[in-house]
Amino acid sequence: MINIDIPKQKKIKAEHLVLDFNGTLAIDGKLIPNVKDILNHLSKKIKIHILTADTFGSSENELLGTNCSINILKPSTHDKQKMQFVTDLGKDNVIAIGNGTNDALMLKTAALGIAVIQEEGAS
């Protein structure tokens, strides 16, 4: 569990970290250097879930050896699937990180939503 105390906000006791894959952890289907080590380090404190449409068909291979679950989304409504995943985990216990339009609902739903800007930008 990771505890986060943001002034003038409710304290967050996060049990789950939900991450987008492409554009957040990977560029063009390839993990950003050192991400695997960081994920494994974080997994000692929090359960990690990676949500992906697997556009490049590489996520399972790229994440081999990481202590996280990989969830391949159905072909449509990625934004709603990601939001529902966070809701099902218990949104008050979730930190979510993403960069795309299909991450917006997930980021808004989680106790803490973090938008990142990598090489492909953010929407």
C-alpha atoms as a PDB file:
ATOM      1  CA  MET A   1       0.000   0.000   0.000  1.00  0.00           C
ATOM      2  CA  ILE A   2       1.136   3.543  -0.722  1.00  0.00           C
ATOM      3  CA  ASN A   3      -0.164   6.360   1.475  1.00  0.00           C
ATOM      4  CA  ILE A   4      -0.418   9.831  -0.035  1.00  0.00           C
ATOM      5  CA  ASP A   5      -1.309  12.894   1.980  1.00  0.00           C
ATOM      6  CA  ILE A   6      -2.220  15.821  -0.277  1.00  0.00           C
ATOM      7  CA  PRO A   7      -2.903  18.975   1.742  1.00  0.00           C
ATOM      8  CA  LYS A   8      -6.607  19.872   2.010  1.00  0.00           C
ATOM      9  CA  GLN A   9      -7.562  16.584   0.311  1.00  0.00           C
ATOM     10  CA  LYS A  10      -8.675  13.200   1.578  1.00  0.00           C
ATOM     11  CA  LYS A  11      -5.706  10.937   2.376  1.00  0.00           C
ATOM     12  CA  ILE A  12      -5.174   8.264  -0.249  1.00  0.00           C
ATOM     13  CA  LYS A  13      -4.387   4.695   0.778  1.00  0.00           C
ATOM     14  CA  ALA A  14      -3.617   3.208  -2.616  1.00  0.00           C
ATOM     15  CA  GLU A  15      -3.614  -0.547  -3.008  1.00  0.00           C
ATOM     16  CA  HIS A  16      -3.607  -0.535  -6.832  1.00  0.00           C
ATOM     17  CA  LEU A  17      -1.620   1.252  -9.523  1.00  0.00           C
ATOM     18  CA  VAL A  18      -3.317   1.138 -12.939  1.00  0.00           C
ATOM     19  CA  LEU A  19      -1.141   2.041 -15.903  1.00  0.00           C
ATOM     20  CA  ASP A  20      -1.713   2.593 -19.588  1.00  0.00           C
ATOM     21  CA  PHE A  21       0.916   0.810 -21.700  1.00  0.00           C
ATOM     22  CA  ASN A  22       1.586   2.599 -25.003  1.00  0.00           C
ATOM     23  CA  GLY A  23       2.551   6.230 -24.590  1.00  0.00           C
ATOM     24  CA  THR A  24       2.930   5.827 -20.831  1.00  0.00           C
ATOM     25  CA  LEU A  25       5.291   2.888 -20.215  1.00  0.00           C
ATOM     26  CA  ALA A  26       6.205   2.183 -23.822  1.00  0.00           C
ATOM     27  CA  ILE A  27       6.864   3.998 -27.068  1.00  0.00           C
ATOM     28  CA  ASP A  28       5.738   2.218 -30.251  1.00  0.00           C
ATOM     29  CA  GLY A  29       5.204  -0.988 -28.271  1.00  0.00           C
ATOM     30  CA  LYS A  30       8.687  -1.060 -26.692  1.00  0.00           C
ATOM     31  CA  LEU A  31       9.181  -0.445 -22.974  1.00  0.00           C
ATOM     32  CA  ILE A  32      11.018   2.737 -22.085  1.00  0.00           C
ATOM     33  CA  PRO A  33      14.459   1.890 -20.623  1.00  0.00           C
ATOM     34  CA  ASN A  34      14.487   1.048 -16.880  1.00  0.00           C
ATOM     35  CA  VAL A  35      10.668   0.810 -16.661  1.00  0.00           C
ATOM     36  CA  LYS A  36      10.796  -2.928 -15.944  1.00  0.00           C
ATOM     37  CA  ASP A  37      13.057  -2.366 -12.916  1.00  0.00           C
ATOM     38  CA  ILE A  38      10.851   0.456 -11.637  1.00  0.00           C
ATOM     39  CA  LEU A  39       7.697  -1.657 -11.984  1.00  0.00           C
ATOM     40  CA  ASN A  40       9.266  -4.530 -10.070  1.00  0.00           C
ATOM     41  CA  HIS A  41      10.426  -2.173  -7.328  1.00  0.00           C
ATOM     42  CA  LEU A  42       6.980  -0.562  -7.024  1.00  0.00           C
ATOM     43  CA  SER A  43       5.255  -3.951  -7.014  1.00  0.00           C
ATOM     44  CA  LYS A  44       6.703  -4.563  -3.539  1.00  0.00           C
ATOM     45  CA  LYS A  45       4.400  -1.806  -2.234  1.00  0.00           C
ATOM     46  CA  ILE A  46       1.368  -1.804  -4.529  1.00  0.00           C
ATOM     47  CA  LYS A  47      -0.485  -4.128  -6.935  1.00  0.00           C
ATOM     48  CA  ILE A  48       0.229  -3.077 -10.513  1.00  0.00           C
ATOM     49  CA  HIS A  49      -2.240  -3.508 -13.367  1.00  0.00           C
ATOM     50  CA  ILE A  50      -1.436  -2.610 -16.956  1.00  0.00           C
ATOM     51  CA  LEU A  51      -4.296  -1.907 -19.345  1.00  0.00           C
ATOM     52  CA  THR A  52      -3.623  -1.977 -23.054  1.00  0.00           C
ATOM     53  CA  ALA A  53      -5.250  -2.336 -26.428  1.00  0.00           C
ATOM     54  CA  ASP A  54      -1.942  -4.027 -27.371  1.00  0.00           C
ATOM     55  CA  THR A  55      -1.806  -2.121 -30.646  1.00  0.00           C
ATOM     56  CA  PHE A  56       1.644  -3.474 -31.491  1.00  0.00           C
ATOM     57  CA  GLY A  57       1.027  -6.982 -30.095  1.00  0.00           C
ATOM     58  CA  SER A  58       4.127  -6.646 -27.910  1.00  0.00           C
ATOM     59  CA  SER A  59       2.910  -5.871 -24.396  1.00  0.00           C
ATOM     60  CA  GLU A  60       3.064  -9.400 -22.959  1.00  0.00           C
ATOM     61  CA  ASN A  61       6.569  -9.966 -24.308  1.00  0.00           C
ATOM     62  CA  GLU A  62       7.784  -6.518 -23.233  1.00  0.00           C
ATOM     63  CA  LEU A  63       6.411  -6.992 -19.707  1.00  0.00           C
ATOM     64  CA  LEU A  64       7.757 -10.526 -19.297  1.00  0.00           C
ATOM     65  CA  GLY A  65       9.506 -10.734 -15.933  1.00  0.00           C
ATOM     66  CA  THR A  66       7.531  -7.960 -14.287  1.00  0.00           C
ATOM     67  CA  ASN A  67       5.361  -8.476 -11.246  1.00  0.00           C
ATOM     68  CA  CYS A  68       2.184  -6.963 -12.669  1.00  0.00           C
ATOM     69  CA  SER A  69      -1.028  -8.076 -14.318  1.00  0.00           C
ATOM     70  CA  ILE A  70      -1.589  -7.346 -18.000  1.00  0.00           C
ATOM     71  CA  ASN A  71      -5.129  -6.735 -19.164  1.00  0.00           C
ATOM     72  CA  ILE A  72      -5.770  -6.596 -22.908  1.00  0.00           C
ATOM     73  CA  LEU A  73      -8.817  -4.509 -23.695  1.00  0.00           C
ATOM     74  CA  LYS A  74     -11.603  -5.432 -26.080  1.00  0.00           C
ATOM     75  CA  PRO A  75     -11.495  -3.695 -29.493  1.00  0.00           C
ATOM     76  CA  SER A  76     -13.796  -0.766 -28.684  1.00  0.00           C
ATOM     77  CA  THR A  77     -14.703   1.622 -25.851  1.00  0.00           C
ATOM     78  CA  HIS A  78     -11.248   1.534 -24.279  1.00  0.00           C
ATOM     79  CA  ASP A  79     -12.026   4.624 -22.221  1.00  0.00           C
ATOM     80  CA  LYS A  80     -15.074   3.017 -20.608  1.00  0.00           C
ATOM     81  CA  GLN A  81     -13.285  -0.293 -20.057  1.00  0.00           C
ATOM     82  CA  LYS A  82     -10.439   1.484 -18.259  1.00  0.00           C
ATOM     83  CA  MET A  83     -12.864   3.487 -16.108  1.00  0.00           C
ATOM     84  CA  GLN A  84     -14.774   0.321 -15.202  1.00  0.00           C
ATOM     85  CA  PHE A  85     -11.558  -1.484 -14.305  1.00  0.00           C
ATOM     86  CA  VAL A  86     -10.667   1.281 -11.831  1.00  0.00           C
ATOM     87  CA  THR A  87     -14.209   1.280 -10.440  1.00  0.00           C
ATOM     88  CA  ASP A  88     -14.145  -2.508  -9.986  1.00  0.00           C
ATOM     89  CA  LEU A  89     -10.886  -2.282  -8.007  1.00  0.00           C
ATOM     90  CA  GLY A  90     -12.419   0.317  -5.702  1.00  0.00           C
ATOM     91  CA  LYS A  91     -11.635   3.748  -7.108  1.00  0.00           C
ATOM     92  CA  ASP A  92     -10.723   5.246  -3.713  1.00  0.00           C
ATOM     93  CA  ASN A  93      -7.764   2.830  -3.534  1.00  0.00           C
ATOM     94  CA  VAL A  94      -6.401   3.415  -7.045  1.00  0.00           C
ATOM     95  CA  ILE A  95      -3.685   5.561  -8.565  1.00  0.00           C
ATOM     96  CA  ALA A  96      -3.976   5.695 -12.363  1.00  0.00           C
ATOM     97  CA  ILE A  97      -1.408   6.926 -14.876  1.00  0.00           C
ATOM     98  CA  GLY A  98      -1.933   7.492 -18.587  1.00  0.00           C
ATOM     99  CA  ASN A  99      -1.452   9.886 -21.475  1.00  0.00           C
ATOM    100  CA  GLY A 100      -4.234   9.466 -24.012  1.00  0.00           C
ATOM    101  CA  THR A 101      -7.812  10.410 -24.675  1.00  0.00           C
ATOM    102  CA  ASN A 102      -8.832   6.864 -23.789  1.00  0.00           C
ATOM    103  CA  ASP A 103      -7.249   7.357 -20.335  1.00  0.00           C
ATOM    104  CA  ALA A 104      -9.212  10.476 -19.350  1.00  0.00           C
ATOM    105  CA  LEU A 105     -12.146   8.712 -17.662  1.00  0.00           C
ATOM    106  CA  MET A 106      -9.787   6.365 -15.818  1.00  0.00           C
ATOM    107  CA  LEU A 107      -7.713   9.295 -14.539  1.00  0.00           C
ATOM    108  CA  LYS A 108     -10.802  11.186 -13.438  1.00  0.00           C
ATOM    109  CA  THR A 109     -12.282   8.139 -11.670  1.00  0.00           C
ATOM    110  CA  ALA A 110      -9.190   7.103  -9.676  1.00  0.00           C
ATOM    111  CA  ALA A 111      -8.383   8.563  -6.257  1.00  0.00           C
ATOM    112  CA  LEU A 112      -5.297  10.024  -7.927  1.00  0.00           C
ATOM    113  CA  GLY A 113      -5.020  10.387 -11.693  1.00  0.00           C
ATOM    114  CA  ILE A 114      -1.703  11.357 -13.246  1.00  0.00           C
ATOM    115  CA  ALA A 115      -1.322  12.396 -16.875  1.00  0.00           C
ATOM    116  CA  VAL A 116       2.140  11.974 -18.360  1.00  0.00           C
ATOM    117  CA  ILE A 117       3.783  13.419 -21.431  1.00  0.00           C
ATOM    118  CA  GLN A 118       6.193  11.110 -23.230  1.00  0.00           C
ATOM    119  CA  GLU A 119       7.430  11.147 -26.831  1.00  0.00           C
ATOM    120  CA  GLU A 120       3.935  10.784 -28.297  1.00  0.00           C
ATOM    121  CA  GLY A 121       2.595  13.617 -26.125  1.00  0.00           C
ATOM    122  CA  ALA A 122      -0.601  13.725 -24.098  1.00  0.00           C
ATOM    123  CA  SER A 123      -4.216  14.257 -24.956  1.00  0.00           C
END
